[in-house]
Amino acid sequence: LWFCGPGHFQWHAAGVEGMSGPAKGKGDLDTVVLKHASGATAEIYLWGATLTSYKTPDGTERIFCSPAAIFDGKKAVRGGIPLVFPQFGQPDKAMAQHGVARISTWTVAKVEDSSESSVAMFTVSDNPETLEKWNHAFQLEYTVVLTAMSLKVTLKVINSGHSPFSFNFLLHTYLKIPDISSGTVCGLNGRTYVDKVAGGDPKVESSLEVTLPSYTDRVYVGDVPMPKDIVVKGVGGVPLFALINEASVGVETKAVDMVIWNPYEEASPGDLPPPAFKEFVCVEPGLVNAFAGLPPAGTAELSQKIIPL
């Protein structure tokens, strides 16, 4: 299914009836809804290419979106999977926090249904607004692959200019869980992390299961340049998600940094009114502990595969 402009979709289905296609979301914003033959669905807004919903075939919502998220095409959406590029946080105060990707309008490059998967690809490039804040030429490609068993999102960065640039990128994934006070994140033991709540001093994670009993904002530094599995557990230690996180710059596989975040009431922003913080944990893969470099024509990729258990 190909997008040629507002209202001009042509869909392509490989051997199955095409079910995925354009839709209208909150605030009358344009979205793409993926509908896999298994019954799994996903919705992605063109504003920020922000995925706001992923339901498994049983109809269970797996992604958290704030009940007070603002859908006005101006503010970044609170929840889902916001795309962070080219900066994490706001080291450059002239640019918006977390960069320009999540506050840009993207274009749909393709949407395809097959028996195995439903796939959507979105693109955005530098434009006068981004160049005013970050004077580099770039192209981003974002691919969402929905199957009966999983959701995989991949963000690709292309340096389309004539000079190198430095960047961060990150997938700011909000996973829906029953209760943050009983949630745990497994697979981070042994890693050095920066605890932003405790002043930013580096520490080493000694726990097999990381709990979030209070406001948590940590950057776990990638340690091994290979895919690393993370498991998120819920009440009673029941596994909820397996996450496979990968990153590369050029042909080089990179160790993926992991951000673990929940603001609790004390740090909940205005578009996340308490007690909404109880319903999610952010488990965010990226290259954010240090800036990565990308030469002209260079490419970098970051992906997360979410497997509900």
C-alpha atoms as a PDB file:
ATOM      1  CA  LEU A   1       0.000   0.000   0.000  1.00  0.00           C
ATOM      2  CA  TRP A   2       1.662   3.182  -1.161  1.00  0.00           C
ATOM      3  CA  PHE A   3       1.021   6.725   0.026  1.00  0.00           C
ATOM      4  CA  CYS A   4       1.042   9.395  -2.648  1.00  0.00           C
ATOM      5  CA  GLY A   5      -0.294  12.320  -0.642  1.00  0.00           C
ATOM      6  CA  PRO A   6      -3.258  13.077   1.617  1.00  0.00           C
ATOM      7  CA  GLY A   7      -6.118  10.841   0.650  1.00  0.00           C
ATOM      8  CA  HIS A   8      -4.253   9.175  -2.229  1.00  0.00           C
ATOM      9  CA  PHE A   9      -3.421   5.704  -1.007  1.00  0.00           C
ATOM     10  CA  GLN A  10      -2.770   2.717  -3.201  1.00  0.00           C
ATOM     11  CA  TRP A  11      -2.438  -0.474  -1.236  1.00  0.00           C
ATOM     12  CA  HIS A  12      -0.539  -3.558  -2.115  1.00  0.00           C
ATOM     13  CA  ALA A  13      -1.294  -6.908  -0.517  1.00  0.00           C
ATOM     14  CA  ALA A  14       0.921  -9.903  -1.127  1.00  0.00           C
ATOM     15  CA  GLY A  15      -1.548 -12.730  -1.428  1.00  0.00           C
ATOM     16  CA  VAL A  16      -3.972 -11.491   1.224  1.00  0.00           C
ATOM     17  CA  GLU A  17      -6.674  -8.878   1.380  1.00  0.00           C
ATOM     18  CA  GLY A  18      -5.142  -5.552   2.379  1.00  0.00           C
ATOM     19  CA  MET A  19      -6.578  -4.512   5.721  1.00  0.00           C
ATOM     20  CA  SER A  20      -4.104  -1.826   6.762  1.00  0.00           C
ATOM     21  CA  GLY A  21      -4.427   1.761   5.646  1.00  0.00           C
ATOM     22  CA  PRO A  22      -4.982   5.443   6.399  1.00  0.00           C
ATOM     23  CA  ALA A  23      -7.190   6.593   9.260  1.00  0.00           C
ATOM     24  CA  LYS A  24      -7.926   9.617  11.411  1.00  0.00           C
ATOM     25  CA  GLY A  25      -6.725   9.718  14.997  1.00  0.00           C
ATOM     26  CA  LYS A  26      -7.288  12.056  17.897  1.00  0.00           C
ATOM     27  CA  GLY A  27      -7.300  15.746  17.068  1.00  0.00           C
ATOM     28  CA  ASP A  28      -8.300  14.726  13.526  1.00  0.00           C
ATOM     29  CA  LEU A  29      -4.633  13.945  12.851  1.00  0.00           C
ATOM     30  CA  ASP A  30      -3.666  11.538  10.073  1.00  0.00           C
ATOM     31  CA  THR A  31      -2.629   8.045  11.104  1.00  0.00           C
ATOM     32  CA  VAL A  32      -1.872   4.665   9.607  1.00  0.00           C
ATOM     33  CA  VAL A  33      -3.580   1.683  11.186  1.00  0.00           C
ATOM     34  CA  LEU A  34      -1.903  -1.680  10.681  1.00  0.00           C
ATOM     35  CA  LYS A  35      -4.257  -4.656  10.842  1.00  0.00           C
ATOM     36  CA  HIS A  36      -2.618  -8.053  10.651  1.00  0.00           C
ATOM     37  CA  ALA A  37      -4.614 -11.120   9.677  1.00  0.00           C
ATOM     38  CA  SER A  38      -4.051 -12.543  13.171  1.00  0.00           C
ATOM     39  CA  GLY A  39      -6.045  -9.689  14.689  1.00  0.00           C
ATOM     40  CA  ALA A  40      -2.990  -7.767  15.934  1.00  0.00           C
ATOM     41  CA  THR A  41      -3.180  -4.005  15.303  1.00  0.00           C
ATOM     42  CA  ALA A  42      -1.009  -0.909  15.588  1.00  0.00           C
ATOM     43  CA  GLU A  43      -1.646   2.797  15.026  1.00  0.00           C
ATOM     44  CA  ILE A  44       1.027   5.304  14.027  1.00  0.00           C
ATOM     45  CA  TYR A  45       0.494   9.067  13.748  1.00  0.00           C
ATOM     46  CA  LEU A  46       2.170  10.958  10.920  1.00  0.00           C
ATOM     47  CA  TRP A  47       2.856  13.643  13.544  1.00  0.00           C
ATOM     48  CA  GLY A  48       6.208  12.514  14.885  1.00  0.00           C
ATOM     49  CA  ALA A  49       5.705   9.051  13.342  1.00  0.00           C
ATOM     50  CA  THR A  50       4.585   8.245  16.881  1.00  0.00           C
ATOM     51  CA  LEU A  51       3.176   4.774  17.415  1.00  0.00           C
ATOM     52  CA  THR A  52       0.446   5.133  20.044  1.00  0.00           C
ATOM     53  CA  SER A  53      -1.160   1.686  20.095  1.00  0.00           C
ATOM     54  CA  TYR A  54      -0.112  -1.952  19.719  1.00  0.00           C
ATOM     55  CA  LYS A  55      -2.682  -4.625  20.427  1.00  0.00           C
ATOM     56  CA  THR A  56      -1.981  -8.326  20.354  1.00  0.00           C
ATOM     57  CA  PRO A  57      -4.479 -10.637  18.593  1.00  0.00           C
ATOM     58  CA  ASP A  58      -6.450 -11.029  21.841  1.00  0.00           C
ATOM     59  CA  GLY A  59      -7.173  -7.282  21.783  1.00  0.00           C
ATOM     60  CA  THR A  60      -4.927  -6.437  24.741  1.00  0.00           C
ATOM     61  CA  GLU A  61      -3.265  -3.011  24.542  1.00  0.00           C
ATOM     62  CA  ARG A  62       0.497  -3.327  25.062  1.00  0.00           C
ATOM     63  CA  ILE A  63       1.593   0.309  24.683  1.00  0.00           C
ATOM     64  CA  PHE A  64       0.769   3.106  27.122  1.00  0.00           C
ATOM     65  CA  CYS A  65      -0.441   6.498  25.959  1.00  0.00           C
ATOM     66  CA  SER A  66      -1.304   9.180  28.500  1.00  0.00           C
ATOM     67  CA  PRO A  67      -5.036   9.864  28.924  1.00  0.00           C
ATOM     68  CA  ALA A  68      -4.109  13.555  28.761  1.00  0.00           C
ATOM     69  CA  ALA A  69      -1.771  13.330  25.758  1.00  0.00           C
ATOM     70  CA  ILE A  70      -2.110  16.387  23.523  1.00  0.00           C
ATOM     71  CA  PHE A  71      -2.846  15.699  19.862  1.00  0.00           C
ATOM     72  CA  ASP A  72      -2.542  19.166  18.327  1.00  0.00           C
ATOM     73  CA  GLY A  73       0.248  18.669  15.787  1.00  0.00           C
ATOM     74  CA  LYS A  74       2.462  20.998  17.824  1.00  0.00           C
ATOM     75  CA  LYS A  75       3.401  19.212  21.041  1.00  0.00           C
ATOM     76  CA  ALA A  76       5.092  15.810  21.178  1.00  0.00           C
ATOM     77  CA  VAL A  77       2.676  13.012  22.060  1.00  0.00           C
ATOM     78  CA  ARG A  78       2.996  11.817  25.667  1.00  0.00           C
ATOM     79  CA  GLY A  79       3.283   8.052  25.432  1.00  0.00           C
ATOM     80  CA  GLY A  80       3.540   5.459  22.697  1.00  0.00           C
ATOM     81  CA  ILE A  81       6.983   5.274  21.091  1.00  0.00           C
ATOM     82  CA  PRO A  82       8.259   8.832  20.507  1.00  0.00           C
ATOM     83  CA  LEU A  83      11.318   9.041  18.247  1.00  0.00           C
ATOM     84  CA  VAL A  84      14.299  10.909  19.700  1.00  0.00           C
ATOM     85  CA  PHE A  85      16.743  12.496  17.200  1.00  0.00           C
ATOM     86  CA  PRO A  86      19.253  14.187  16.938  1.00  0.00           C
ATOM     87  CA  GLN A  87      19.636  14.916  20.656  1.00  0.00           C
ATOM     88  CA  PHE A  88      18.630  13.156  23.860  1.00  0.00           C
ATOM     89  CA  GLY A  89      17.462  15.560  26.498  1.00  0.00           C
ATOM     90  CA  GLN A  90      18.427  19.125  25.671  1.00  0.00           C
ATOM     91  CA  PRO A  91      22.198  19.632  25.592  1.00  0.00           C
ATOM     92  CA  ASP A  92      21.560  22.133  22.768  1.00  0.00           C
ATOM     93  CA  LYS A  93      19.099  24.598  24.297  1.00  0.00           C
ATOM     94  CA  ALA A  94      18.345  26.120  20.884  1.00  0.00           C
ATOM     95  CA  MET A  95      16.698  22.844  19.861  1.00  0.00           C
ATOM     96  CA  ALA A  96      13.606  21.239  21.376  1.00  0.00           C
ATOM     97  CA  GLN A  97      14.120  18.598  24.049  1.00  0.00           C
ATOM     98  CA  HIS A  98      14.764  15.212  22.409  1.00  0.00           C
ATOM     99  CA  GLY A  99      15.235  16.875  19.032  1.00  0.00           C
ATOM    100  CA  VAL A 100      13.134  17.416  15.918  1.00  0.00           C
ATOM    101  CA  ALA A 101      11.931  13.959  14.846  1.00  0.00           C
ATOM    102  CA  ARG A 102       9.016  13.672  17.265  1.00  0.00           C
ATOM    103  CA  ILE A 103       7.725  17.161  16.401  1.00  0.00           C
ATOM    104  CA  SER A 104       7.879  16.847  12.606  1.00  0.00           C
ATOM    105  CA  THR A 105       5.195  15.694  10.192  1.00  0.00           C
ATOM    106  CA  TRP A 106       6.323  12.513   8.453  1.00  0.00           C
ATOM    107  CA  THR A 107       5.309  11.056   5.088  1.00  0.00           C
ATOM    108  CA  VAL A 108       4.079   7.505   4.543  1.00  0.00           C
ATOM    109  CA  ALA A 109       6.394   5.720   2.103  1.00  0.00           C
ATOM    110  CA  LYS A 110       4.578   2.384   2.042  1.00  0.00           C
ATOM    111  CA  VAL A 111       2.105   0.152   3.809  1.00  0.00           C
ATOM    112  CA  GLU A 112       1.970  -3.539   2.924  1.00  0.00           C
ATOM    113  CA  ASP A 113      -0.007  -6.506   4.189  1.00  0.00           C
ATOM    114  CA  SER A 114       1.123 -10.094   3.787  1.00  0.00           C
ATOM    115  CA  SER A 115       0.218 -13.297   5.579  1.00  0.00           C
ATOM    116  CA  GLU A 116       3.356 -12.977   7.714  1.00  0.00           C
ATOM    117  CA  SER A 117       3.300  -9.296   8.592  1.00  0.00           C
ATOM    118  CA  SER A 118       1.794  -5.863   8.138  1.00  0.00           C
ATOM    119  CA  VAL A 119       4.442  -3.226   7.485  1.00  0.00           C
ATOM    120  CA  ALA A 120       4.472   0.574   7.340  1.00  0.00           C
ATOM    121  CA  MET A 121       7.397   2.831   6.481  1.00  0.00           C
ATOM    122  CA  PHE A 122       7.554   6.554   7.193  1.00  0.00           C
ATOM    123  CA  THR A 123      10.122   9.155   6.125  1.00  0.00           C
ATOM    124  CA  VAL A 124      11.116  12.704   6.996  1.00  0.00           C
ATOM    125  CA  SER A 125      13.992  14.879   5.799  1.00  0.00           C
ATOM    126  CA  ASP A 126      15.611  18.129   6.824  1.00  0.00           C
ATOM    127  CA  ASN A 127      13.528  21.191   6.030  1.00  0.00           C
ATOM    128  CA  PRO A 128      13.716  24.923   6.815  1.00  0.00           C
ATOM    129  CA  GLU A 129      12.297  24.376  10.300  1.00  0.00           C
ATOM    130  CA  THR A 130      14.803  21.657  11.247  1.00  0.00           C
ATOM    131  CA  LEU A 131      17.735  23.479   9.638  1.00  0.00           C
ATOM    132  CA  GLU A 132      16.972  26.531  11.748  1.00  0.00           C
ATOM    133  CA  LYS A 133      17.478  24.423  14.881  1.00  0.00           C
ATOM    134  CA  TRP A 134      20.056  21.913  13.633  1.00  0.00           C
ATOM    135  CA  ASN A 135      21.986  22.869  10.515  1.00  0.00           C
ATOM    136  CA  HIS A 136      22.515  19.433   8.981  1.00  0.00           C
ATOM    137  CA  ALA A 137      20.976  17.570   6.060  1.00  0.00           C
ATOM    138  CA  PHE A 138      19.460  14.223   7.004  1.00  0.00           C
ATOM    139  CA  GLN A 139      16.834  11.679   6.110  1.00  0.00           C
ATOM    140  CA  LEU A 140      15.057   9.408   8.582  1.00  0.00           C
ATOM    141  CA  GLU A 141      13.247   6.190   7.742  1.00  0.00           C
ATOM    142  CA  TYR A 142      11.012   4.516  10.316  1.00  0.00           C
ATOM    143  CA  THR A 143       9.702   1.018   9.732  1.00  0.00           C
ATOM    144  CA  VAL A 144       7.007  -0.718  11.796  1.00  0.00           C
ATOM    145  CA  VAL A 145       6.565  -4.478  11.378  1.00  0.00           C
ATOM    146  CA  LEU A 146       3.524  -6.090  13.006  1.00  0.00           C
ATOM    147  CA  THR A 147       3.082  -9.855  13.234  1.00  0.00           C
ATOM    148  CA  ALA A 148       0.898 -12.226  15.207  1.00  0.00           C
ATOM    149  CA  MET A 149       3.645 -12.528  17.828  1.00  0.00           C
ATOM    150  CA  SER A 150       5.517  -9.223  17.937  1.00  0.00           C
ATOM    151  CA  LEU A 151       6.020  -5.600  16.984  1.00  0.00           C
ATOM    152  CA  LYS A 152       9.374  -4.417  15.630  1.00  0.00           C
ATOM    153  CA  VAL A 153      10.252  -0.757  15.087  1.00  0.00           C
ATOM    154  CA  THR A 154      13.402   0.399  13.302  1.00  0.00           C
ATOM    155  CA  LEU A 155      14.711   3.957  12.981  1.00  0.00           C
ATOM    156  CA  LYS A 156      17.282   4.561  10.241  1.00  0.00           C
ATOM    157  CA  VAL A 157      19.349   7.755   9.996  1.00  0.00           C
ATOM    158  CA  ILE A 158      20.989   8.818   6.728  1.00  0.00           C
ATOM    159  CA  ASN A 159      23.472  11.686   6.485  1.00  0.00           C
ATOM    160  CA  SER A 160      22.330  13.226   3.200  1.00  0.00           C
ATOM    161  CA  GLY A 161      24.657  16.221   3.459  1.00  0.00           C
ATOM    162  CA  HIS A 162      28.277  16.948   2.632  1.00  0.00           C
ATOM    163  CA  SER A 163      29.687  17.164   6.150  1.00  0.00           C
ATOM    164  CA  PRO A 164      29.749  14.750   9.096  1.00  0.00           C
ATOM    165  CA  PHE A 165      27.454  15.224  12.065  1.00  0.00           C
ATOM    166  CA  SER A 166      27.117  13.930  15.613  1.00  0.00           C
ATOM    167  CA  PHE A 167      23.809  12.678  16.951  1.00  0.00           C
ATOM    168  CA  ASN A 168      21.856  10.720  19.531  1.00  0.00           C
ATOM    169  CA  PHE A 169      18.872   8.546  18.733  1.00  0.00           C
ATOM    170  CA  LEU A 170      16.483   6.640  20.953  1.00  0.00           C
ATOM    171  CA  LEU A 171      13.132   4.852  20.915  1.00  0.00           C
ATOM    172  CA  HIS A 172      11.220   6.269  23.911  1.00  0.00           C
ATOM    173  CA  THR A 173       8.994   3.208  24.398  1.00  0.00           C
ATOM    174  CA  TYR A 174       6.190   3.341  26.970  1.00  0.00           C
ATOM    175  CA  LEU A 175       5.229  -0.257  27.833  1.00  0.00           C
ATOM    176  CA  LYS A 176       1.827  -0.762  29.414  1.00  0.00           C
ATOM    177  CA  ILE A 177       2.058  -2.741  32.674  1.00  0.00           C
ATOM    178  CA  PRO A 178      -0.434  -3.422  35.483  1.00  0.00           C
ATOM    179  CA  ASP A 179       1.380  -1.499  38.238  1.00  0.00           C
ATOM    180  CA  ILE A 180       4.792   0.202  38.283  1.00  0.00           C
ATOM    181  CA  SER A 181       5.298  -0.579  41.978  1.00  0.00           C
ATOM    182  CA  SER A 182       5.473  -4.305  41.206  1.00  0.00           C
ATOM    183  CA  GLY A 183       7.179  -4.095  37.793  1.00  0.00           C
ATOM    184  CA  THR A 184      10.757  -5.183  37.227  1.00  0.00           C
ATOM    185  CA  VAL A 185      13.259  -4.956  34.372  1.00  0.00           C
ATOM    186  CA  CYS A 186      15.645  -7.893  33.952  1.00  0.00           C
ATOM    187  CA  GLY A 187      18.860  -8.136  31.971  1.00  0.00           C
ATOM    188  CA  LEU A 188      20.731  -5.043  33.156  1.00  0.00           C
ATOM    189  CA  ASN A 189      22.855  -6.532  35.935  1.00  0.00           C
ATOM    190  CA  GLY A 190      26.553  -5.735  35.677  1.00  0.00           C
ATOM    191  CA  ARG A 191      25.997  -2.605  33.622  1.00  0.00           C
ATOM    192  CA  THR A 192      27.221   0.826  34.624  1.00  0.00           C
ATOM    193  CA  TYR A 193      24.402   3.350  34.815  1.00  0.00           C
ATOM    194  CA  VAL A 194      23.943   7.056  35.339  1.00  0.00           C
ATOM    195  CA  ASP A 195      21.312   7.744  37.994  1.00  0.00           C
ATOM    196  CA  LYS A 196      19.882  11.147  37.085  1.00  0.00           C
ATOM    197  CA  VAL A 197      17.632  11.221  40.149  1.00  0.00           C
ATOM    198  CA  ALA A 198      20.644  10.779  42.455  1.00  0.00           C
ATOM    199  CA  GLY A 199      22.821  13.480  40.949  1.00  0.00           C
ATOM    200  CA  GLY A 200      24.204  11.635  37.930  1.00  0.00           C
ATOM    201  CA  ASP A 201      26.977   9.693  39.619  1.00  0.00           C
ATOM    202  CA  PRO A 202      27.805   6.437  37.809  1.00  0.00           C
ATOM    203  CA  LYS A 203      26.917   3.208  39.580  1.00  0.00           C
ATOM    204  CA  VAL A 204      27.066  -0.492  38.744  1.00  0.00           C
ATOM    205  CA  GLU A 205      23.808  -2.449  38.660  1.00  0.00           C
ATOM    206  CA  SER A 206      24.006  -5.394  41.059  1.00  0.00           C
ATOM    207  CA  SER A 207      20.376  -6.535  40.880  1.00  0.00           C
ATOM    208  CA  LEU A 208      19.144  -9.266  38.569  1.00  0.00           C
ATOM    209  CA  GLU A 209      15.756  -7.544  38.571  1.00  0.00           C
ATOM    210  CA  VAL A 210      15.622  -3.733  38.610  1.00  0.00           C
ATOM    211  CA  THR A 211      12.649  -2.415  40.561  1.00  0.00           C
ATOM    212  CA  LEU A 212      11.115   1.050  40.279  1.00  0.00           C
ATOM    213  CA  PRO A 213       9.712   1.848  43.745  1.00  0.00           C
ATOM    214  CA  SER A 214      10.004   5.610  43.230  1.00  0.00           C
ATOM    215  CA  TYR A 215      10.907   8.230  40.605  1.00  0.00           C
ATOM    216  CA  THR A 216      13.456   6.545  38.330  1.00  0.00           C
ATOM    217  CA  ASP A 217      15.568   8.048  35.533  1.00  0.00           C
ATOM    218  CA  ARG A 218      18.610   5.981  34.598  1.00  0.00           C
ATOM    219  CA  VAL A 219      20.840   5.546  31.566  1.00  0.00           C
ATOM    220  CA  TYR A 220      22.358   2.065  31.446  1.00  0.00           C
ATOM    221  CA  VAL A 221      25.479   2.240  29.303  1.00  0.00           C
ATOM    222  CA  GLY A 222      25.728  -0.358  26.549  1.00  0.00           C
ATOM    223  CA  ASP A 223      28.405  -2.903  27.356  1.00  0.00           C
ATOM    224  CA  VAL A 224      28.518  -5.506  24.573  1.00  0.00           C
ATOM    225  CA  PRO A 225      28.051  -4.719  20.852  1.00  0.00           C
ATOM    226  CA  MET A 226      25.413  -7.360  20.211  1.00  0.00           C
ATOM    227  CA  PRO A 227      21.639  -7.690  20.587  1.00  0.00           C
ATOM    228  CA  LYS A 228      20.756  -7.768  24.258  1.00  0.00           C
ATOM    229  CA  ASP A 229      17.468  -9.163  25.533  1.00  0.00           C
ATOM    230  CA  ILE A 230      15.560  -7.359  28.241  1.00  0.00           C
ATOM    231  CA  VAL A 231      12.598  -8.923  30.046  1.00  0.00           C
ATOM    232  CA  VAL A 232       9.915  -6.852  31.770  1.00  0.00           C
ATOM    233  CA  LYS A 233       7.955  -8.556  34.534  1.00  0.00           C
ATOM    234  CA  GLY A 234       4.746  -7.577  36.290  1.00  0.00           C
ATOM    235  CA  VAL A 235       2.826  -8.474  39.435  1.00  0.00           C
ATOM    236  CA  GLY A 236       4.132 -11.657  41.030  1.00  0.00           C
ATOM    237  CA  GLY A 237       7.120 -11.811  38.688  1.00  0.00           C
ATOM    238  CA  VAL A 238       4.977 -12.742  35.682  1.00  0.00           C
ATOM    239  CA  PRO A 239       6.914 -12.054  32.457  1.00  0.00           C
ATOM    240  CA  LEU A 240       5.122  -9.461  30.327  1.00  0.00           C
ATOM    241  CA  PHE A 241       7.562  -8.565  27.535  1.00  0.00           C
ATOM    242  CA  ALA A 242      10.805  -9.709  25.959  1.00  0.00           C
ATOM    243  CA  LEU A 243      12.650  -6.871  24.214  1.00  0.00           C
ATOM    244  CA  ILE A 244      15.401  -7.317  21.624  1.00  0.00           C
ATOM    245  CA  ASN A 245      17.372  -4.100  21.109  1.00  0.00           C
ATOM    246  CA  GLU A 246      19.924  -3.535  18.348  1.00  0.00           C
ATOM    247  CA  ALA A 247      21.962  -0.615  16.995  1.00  0.00           C
ATOM    248  CA  SER A 248      24.544  -0.097  14.268  1.00  0.00           C
ATOM    249  CA  VAL A 249      26.487   2.762  12.725  1.00  0.00           C
ATOM    250  CA  GLY A 250      27.605   1.892   9.228  1.00  0.00           C
ATOM    251  CA  VAL A 251      28.589  -1.763   9.283  1.00  0.00           C
ATOM    252  CA  GLU A 252      29.601  -1.647  12.946  1.00  0.00           C
ATOM    253  CA  THR A 253      27.257  -3.140  15.525  1.00  0.00           C
ATOM    254  CA  LYS A 254      26.999  -0.891  18.562  1.00  0.00           C
ATOM    255  CA  ALA A 255      26.345  -1.608  22.238  1.00  0.00           C
ATOM    256  CA  VAL A 256      22.862  -0.267  22.973  1.00  0.00           C
ATOM    257  CA  ASP A 257      22.285   2.106  25.872  1.00  0.00           C
ATOM    258  CA  MET A 258      19.027   1.524  27.790  1.00  0.00           C
ATOM    259  CA  VAL A 259      17.057   4.281  29.499  1.00  0.00           C
ATOM    260  CA  ILE A 260      14.681   3.219  32.292  1.00  0.00           C
ATOM    261  CA  TRP A 261      12.199   5.911  33.294  1.00  0.00           C
ATOM    262  CA  ASN A 262       9.107   6.453  35.349  1.00  0.00           C
ATOM    263  CA  PRO A 263       8.384   9.878  36.847  1.00  0.00           C
ATOM    264  CA  TYR A 264       6.006   8.842  39.643  1.00  0.00           C
ATOM    265  CA  GLU A 265       3.876  11.723  40.867  1.00  0.00           C
ATOM    266  CA  GLU A 266       6.762  14.017  41.747  1.00  0.00           C
ATOM    267  CA  ALA A 267       8.078  14.380  38.196  1.00  0.00           C
ATOM    268  CA  SER A 268       4.913  13.738  36.144  1.00  0.00           C
ATOM    269  CA  PRO A 269       4.526  16.474  33.512  1.00  0.00           C
ATOM    270  CA  GLY A 270       1.229  18.258  32.950  1.00  0.00           C
ATOM    271  CA  ASP A 271       0.098  15.911  30.174  1.00  0.00           C
ATOM    272  CA  LEU A 272       0.631  12.874  32.431  1.00  0.00           C
ATOM    273  CA  PRO A 273      -1.723  13.457  35.363  1.00  0.00           C
ATOM    274  CA  PRO A 274      -1.377  11.090  38.352  1.00  0.00           C
ATOM    275  CA  PRO A 275      -2.095   8.260  38.822  1.00  0.00           C
ATOM    276  CA  ALA A 276      -1.346   7.526  35.141  1.00  0.00           C
ATOM    277  CA  PHE A 277       2.346   6.929  35.977  1.00  0.00           C
ATOM    278  CA  LYS A 278       1.351   3.643  37.608  1.00  0.00           C
ATOM    279  CA  GLU A 279       0.418   2.093  34.269  1.00  0.00           C
ATOM    280  CA  PHE A 280       3.729   2.083  32.377  1.00  0.00           C
ATOM    281  CA  VAL A 281       7.465   1.654  32.391  1.00  0.00           C
ATOM    282  CA  CYS A 282       9.689   3.282  29.782  1.00  0.00           C
ATOM    283  CA  VAL A 283      12.365   0.884  28.497  1.00  0.00           C
ATOM    284  CA  GLU A 284      14.185   2.857  25.823  1.00  0.00           C
ATOM    285  CA  PRO A 285      17.024   1.641  23.575  1.00  0.00           C
ATOM    286  CA  GLY A 286      19.358   4.160  21.998  1.00  0.00           C
ATOM    287  CA  LEU A 287      22.800   5.633  21.555  1.00  0.00           C
ATOM    288  CA  VAL A 288      22.603   8.414  24.135  1.00  0.00           C
ATOM    289  CA  ASN A 289      25.426   8.106  26.652  1.00  0.00           C
ATOM    290  CA  ALA A 290      27.697   9.694  24.059  1.00  0.00           C
ATOM    291  CA  PHE A 291      27.152  11.228  20.640  1.00  0.00           C
ATOM    292  CA  ALA A 292      27.698   8.987  17.613  1.00  0.00           C
ATOM    293  CA  GLY A 293      29.326  10.323  14.464  1.00  0.00           C
ATOM    294  CA  LEU A 294      27.995   9.881  10.934  1.00  0.00           C
ATOM    295  CA  PRO A 295      29.990  10.775   7.792  1.00  0.00           C
ATOM    296  CA  PRO A 296      28.360  12.006   4.568  1.00  0.00           C
ATOM    297  CA  ALA A 297      26.213   9.214   3.052  1.00  0.00           C
ATOM    298  CA  GLY A 298      26.616   7.273   6.309  1.00  0.00           C
ATOM    299  CA  THR A 299      23.728   5.359   7.851  1.00  0.00           C
ATOM    300  CA  ALA A 300      22.809   4.248  11.356  1.00  0.00           C
ATOM    301  CA  GLU A 301      20.009   1.990  12.569  1.00  0.00           C
ATOM    302  CA  LEU A 302      18.269   1.400  15.881  1.00  0.00           C
ATOM    303  CA  SER A 303      15.579  -1.195  16.488  1.00  0.00           C
ATOM    304  CA  GLN A 304      13.446  -2.689  19.220  1.00  0.00           C
ATOM    305  CA  LYS A 305      11.424  -5.872  18.888  1.00  0.00           C
ATOM    306  CA  ILE A 306       8.630  -6.130  21.461  1.00  0.00           C
ATOM    307  CA  ILE A 307       7.444  -9.671  22.149  1.00  0.00           C
ATOM    308  CA  PRO A 308       4.513  -9.862  24.578  1.00  0.00           C
ATOM    309  CA  LEU A 309       4.752 -12.982  26.736  1.00  0.00           C
END
